[in-house]
Amino acid sequence: MRLGKRIGSGSSSQVNHGNIVPSIDRQAGGVTADEIIATSVLSFVQLRRLRFPVGADGVPLGSEVRADAEAAARTALAALGLLALVSATEQGYDLRSRCVLVAETGLELELVGRTLDDTTSFTLTTDEARSLLEEAVKALEGTGLQWRGDDLVLTPTPKLVELILRSREVAATADPDEADD
């Protein structure tokens, strides 16, 4: 019997919140890969589409300052994206138990211009990326836009907490051999 198919069992999958019960092919042993290529893209085209028409005070930005404010905001977002990428790579990719991806080389970044011939390769450390973000945030000051400097703490609703707890209780009492039926 599969966990997600139990009717009235309190399974969280009945409310679109559940886990996929893992299964292991005892002959194949899982997934094997000769090579995994990790590619991340920070699209400046997409960043240019972002608009910031209203300042931190809720007042629309005037046309004389809006272009500079939007450029500063996009720069800060790009710097944040680079910091996230470099930090994630530095921390490594421990996907789950006995599944760690190990890079053969350090992080290699490429800035691709309007054509593939217009490509610049570079490296970036976490400290350099953090400095870029700090500079970008400073440039944002005085534009009418504001960068939130403190941590944003997200709190789940009580209903979501209850669903997670119920899901864990059901998973803890499930017989793993029954999950493959």
Protein backbone atom coordinates (compact mmCIF):
# COMPACT_ATOMS: atom_id res chain seq x y z
CA MET A 1 0.00 0.00 0.00
CA ARG A 2 1.38 3.44 -0.89
CA LEU A 3 1.25 6.20 1.69
CA GLY A 4 -0.31 8.74 -0.63
CA LYS A 5 -3.24 6.49 -1.52
CA ARG A 6 -4.57 5.90 1.98
CA ILE A 7 -7.97 7.50 2.34
CA GLY A 8 -8.68 9.07 5.70
CA SER A 9 -5.23 8.16 7.04
CA GLY A 10 -4.23 11.74 7.78
CA SER A 11 -1.75 11.61 4.94
CA SER A 12 -0.63 15.09 4.01
CA SER A 13 -0.64 14.18 0.33
CA GLN A 14 -4.42 14.35 0.50
CA VAL A 15 -4.06 18.10 0.93
CA ASN A 16 -1.33 18.50 -1.70
CA HIS A 17 1.48 18.44 0.83
CA GLY A 18 3.39 15.22 0.91
CA ASN A 19 6.57 13.34 0.30
CA ILE A 20 7.43 10.89 -2.41
CA VAL A 21 8.33 7.66 -0.67
CA PRO A 22 11.83 6.69 -1.84
CA SER A 23 12.41 3.37 -3.48
CA ILE A 24 15.67 1.69 -4.41
CA ASP A 25 16.15 -0.65 -7.31
CA ARG A 26 18.11 -3.38 -5.53
CA GLN A 27 19.80 -4.47 -8.80
CA ALA A 28 20.72 -1.07 -10.26
CA GLY A 29 21.44 0.54 -6.89
CA GLY A 30 20.28 4.03 -7.79
CA VAL A 31 21.48 6.63 -10.26
CA THR A 32 24.93 6.62 -11.81
CA ALA A 33 26.32 9.49 -13.85
CA ASP A 34 29.55 9.84 -15.77
CA GLU A 35 29.33 13.61 -15.69
CA ILE A 36 27.08 16.25 -14.23
CA ILE A 37 27.36 19.76 -15.57
CA ALA A 38 25.99 22.49 -13.35
CA THR A 39 24.99 25.61 -15.22
CA SER A 40 23.55 28.76 -13.68
CA VAL A 41 22.36 31.76 -15.62
CA LEU A 42 22.00 35.30 -14.40
CA SER A 43 20.03 36.94 -17.20
CA PHE A 44 20.66 40.64 -17.64
CA VAL A 45 17.91 40.65 -20.26
CA GLN A 46 15.45 39.59 -17.56
CA LEU A 47 16.89 42.06 -15.05
CA ARG A 48 16.36 44.90 -17.55
CA ARG A 49 12.68 44.00 -17.67
CA LEU A 50 12.27 44.73 -13.96
CA ARG A 51 10.71 48.08 -13.14
CA PHE A 52 10.82 50.03 -9.88
CA PRO A 53 8.37 52.89 -10.38
CA VAL A 54 7.72 53.65 -6.71
CA GLY A 55 10.22 54.72 -4.07
CA ALA A 56 10.55 53.32 -0.55
CA ASP A 57 8.18 56.03 0.68
CA GLY A 58 5.40 54.87 -1.66
CA VAL A 59 5.67 57.92 -3.89
CA PRO A 60 6.20 57.39 -7.63
CA LEU A 61 9.76 58.13 -8.74
CA GLY A 62 10.16 61.05 -11.10
CA SER A 63 11.44 60.33 -14.58
CA GLU A 64 14.63 62.29 -13.84
CA VAL A 65 15.71 59.81 -11.11
CA ARG A 66 13.86 56.66 -12.07
CA ALA A 67 16.32 55.41 -14.73
CA ASP A 68 19.26 55.73 -12.33
CA ALA A 69 17.29 54.16 -9.48
CA GLU A 70 16.25 51.21 -11.64
CA ALA A 71 19.82 50.68 -12.88
CA ALA A 72 21.07 50.72 -9.28
CA ALA A 73 18.37 48.26 -8.20
CA ARG A 74 19.17 45.89 -11.06
CA THR A 75 22.87 46.09 -10.23
CA ALA A 76 22.15 45.20 -6.60
CA LEU A 77 20.01 42.24 -7.68
CA ALA A 78 22.74 41.02 -10.05
CA ALA A 79 25.33 41.31 -7.26
CA LEU A 80 23.01 39.39 -4.92
CA GLY A 81 22.63 36.65 -7.55
CA LEU A 82 26.40 36.38 -7.96
CA LEU A 83 26.90 36.18 -4.20
CA ALA A 84 24.26 33.44 -3.96
CA LEU A 85 25.91 31.45 -6.76
CA VAL A 86 29.43 31.78 -5.37
CA SER A 87 28.29 31.00 -1.82
CA ALA A 88 26.35 27.90 -2.89
CA THR A 89 29.33 26.62 -4.83
CA GLU A 90 31.66 27.28 -1.90
CA GLN A 91 29.39 25.34 0.48
CA GLY A 92 29.33 22.36 -1.87
CA TYR A 93 26.52 20.18 -3.09
CA ASP A 94 25.60 17.57 -0.49
CA LEU A 95 22.38 16.38 -2.08
CA ARG A 96 21.53 13.64 0.42
CA SER A 97 23.14 10.76 2.26
CA ARG A 98 25.97 9.26 0.21
CA CYS A 99 25.35 11.70 -2.63
CA VAL A 100 27.88 14.51 -2.69
CA LEU A 101 28.87 16.26 -5.89
CA VAL A 102 32.55 17.17 -6.02
CA ALA A 103 33.71 19.74 -8.55
CA GLU A 104 36.72 18.97 -10.72
CA THR A 105 37.52 22.66 -11.06
CA GLY A 106 36.73 25.90 -9.31
CA LEU A 107 33.77 28.04 -10.27
CA GLU A 108 34.18 29.46 -13.75
CA LEU A 109 32.01 32.41 -14.71
CA GLU A 110 31.41 33.81 -18.16
CA LEU A 111 29.90 37.12 -19.10
CA VAL A 112 28.26 36.62 -22.48
CA GLY A 113 27.68 39.75 -24.49
CA ARG A 114 25.39 40.20 -27.45
CA THR A 115 27.19 37.44 -29.37
CA LEU A 116 29.07 34.30 -28.38
CA ASP A 117 32.24 35.97 -29.66
CA ASP A 118 31.76 38.63 -26.99
CA THR A 119 32.47 36.43 -23.96
CA THR A 120 34.64 37.25 -20.95
CA SER A 121 35.66 34.55 -18.48
CA PHE A 122 36.39 35.42 -14.86
CA THR A 123 36.46 34.05 -11.34
CA LEU A 124 34.89 35.49 -8.22
CA THR A 125 35.45 34.69 -4.56
CA THR A 126 32.78 34.94 -1.91
CA ASP A 127 34.52 37.98 -0.40
CA GLU A 128 34.67 39.69 -3.80
CA ALA A 129 31.00 38.93 -4.45
CA ARG A 130 30.06 40.25 -0.99
CA SER A 131 32.02 43.46 -1.70
CA LEU A 132 30.22 43.86 -5.04
CA LEU A 133 26.88 43.60 -3.25
CA GLU A 134 27.92 46.09 -0.57
CA GLU A 135 29.01 48.58 -3.26
CA ALA A 136 25.77 48.07 -5.18
CA VAL A 137 23.67 48.62 -2.05
CA LYS A 138 25.60 51.83 -1.27
CA ALA A 139 24.94 53.03 -4.83
CA LEU A 140 21.24 52.38 -4.26
CA GLU A 141 21.16 54.88 -1.37
CA GLY A 142 19.86 58.27 -2.41
CA THR A 143 17.95 56.90 -5.41
CA GLY A 144 14.62 56.78 -3.61
CA LEU A 145 14.75 52.98 -3.43
CA GLN A 146 15.66 51.06 -0.31
CA TRP A 147 17.53 47.83 0.34
CA ARG A 148 16.35 45.78 3.28
CA GLY A 149 19.48 45.11 5.33
CA ASP A 150 18.09 42.98 8.12
CA ASP A 151 17.14 39.33 7.92
CA LEU A 152 13.72 38.49 6.57
CA VAL A 153 12.31 35.80 8.82
CA LEU A 154 9.56 33.69 7.30
CA THR A 155 7.14 31.95 9.63
CA PRO A 156 4.92 29.10 8.46
CA THR A 157 1.23 29.26 9.19
CA PRO A 158 0.00 27.02 12.01
CA LYS A 159 -1.82 24.89 9.44
CA LEU A 160 1.41 24.23 7.52
CA VAL A 161 3.25 23.35 10.74
CA GLU A 162 0.48 20.88 11.57
CA LEU A 163 0.67 19.32 8.10
CA ILE A 164 4.43 18.87 8.36
CA LEU A 165 4.15 17.29 11.81
CA ARG A 166 1.38 14.94 10.64
CA SER A 167 3.42 14.01 7.58
CA ARG A 168 6.43 13.15 9.75
CA GLU A 169 4.28 11.08 12.12
CA VAL A 170 2.82 9.07 9.25
CA ALA A 171 6.26 8.58 7.69
CA ALA A 172 7.74 7.44 11.02
CA THR A 173 5.10 4.74 11.47
CA ALA A 174 5.05 3.54 7.86
CA ASP A 175 6.45 0.13 7.01
CA PRO A 176 9.07 0.74 4.25
CA ASP A 177 8.34 -2.66 2.70
CA GLU A 178 4.67 -1.73 2.23
CA ALA A 179 5.62 1.43 0.31
CA ASP A 180 6.85 -0.59 -2.67
CA ASP A 181 3.58 -2.54 -3.13
